[in-house]
Each structure stands twice: as structure tokens, then as C-alpha cells.
């Protein structure tokens, strides 16, 4: 059985998986670990992926407005950059809290934001890895990284 990341948002899904597994096997051992934010290296790897993604997107014509008029029309533009990619994909893959504020990759939570835990960060990394592979965006996964180790654990290796 794979390792599972449990958050309040996926509690029912994890319960269902455990229920199904308990029907297949008479005895399961479930270990509970703190899913804190993990090591800082996963955030650094995320940032390197955002740089590669931004380079790809800018190379394919993606731009950002310089300003937006009151009616919503924008004028002026600049190339899409790694910070834009970070904001876009953090909101897309990590999601938002109950108040609609995006989760954070920071070491300490910015005012009014919640830190994403290690499981949420790992899931976001998996989603973005799929995104990059589907588009042929070059990226690295160091073999001695927290992300690589979590991949190995998840895949039973």
C-alpha cells in the first residue's frame, strides 16, 4: 500500500482507501507522521521548476499586462516570468483556503496565509511535474532530494 497524505479536504477519500484495503488484507499497519512543511529543498526545487516553466511560457508568447484599466482592459505588456509562474501554479496546484487566499510555500506564513504542509506541497509538485512532462519542459529531480525520496516511498521503491 502506498503512503497517503491526509488533510481535512481529503479525509473521506483516505477513509475510503483504507476501507477498501482492509477488505483485501486482514491486517494493515497504519503509521501517522507529522506532515509539516518538510524541508526547504522542495520549495527550492519548485522555484527552479517555475523558472523553467516561465521560460517555456514566455517563449510561447505568454505575457503579463503592465496595467489594467477600470473596465478590465489591459495595456502594455511584459514577458511572463518565474514569479508569475509561481503565483499561477501555486494557486492552481496548492489551492486556496476557506477565505480564498492561496496556500503558501514560505517558511513562515505571511500575514493572513496558511502554510502548505509537506503532503500538499508534494501533491502540487506531482501535478506540476505532469504539466511539464506533457509539454516537454525540461526539469530536474535530484536523486538526493526530498521530492525524489517521497516519489520513491509513494511508488513502493
Foldseek 3Di string as FASTA:
>chain_A
DFDDDDDPVCVVVVVVVVVVVCVVDVDDDDDDDDQAADDLVLVVQVLVLLQLVQVVCLVVPDWDFPDADPVGDGDHIDRRGSVNSCVVLQCVQLNADPVRHGEDNDPDDDPPHHHDTNNSSLRSVVVVVVVCVVVVRDGDDDCPDPSVVSVCRRVVD
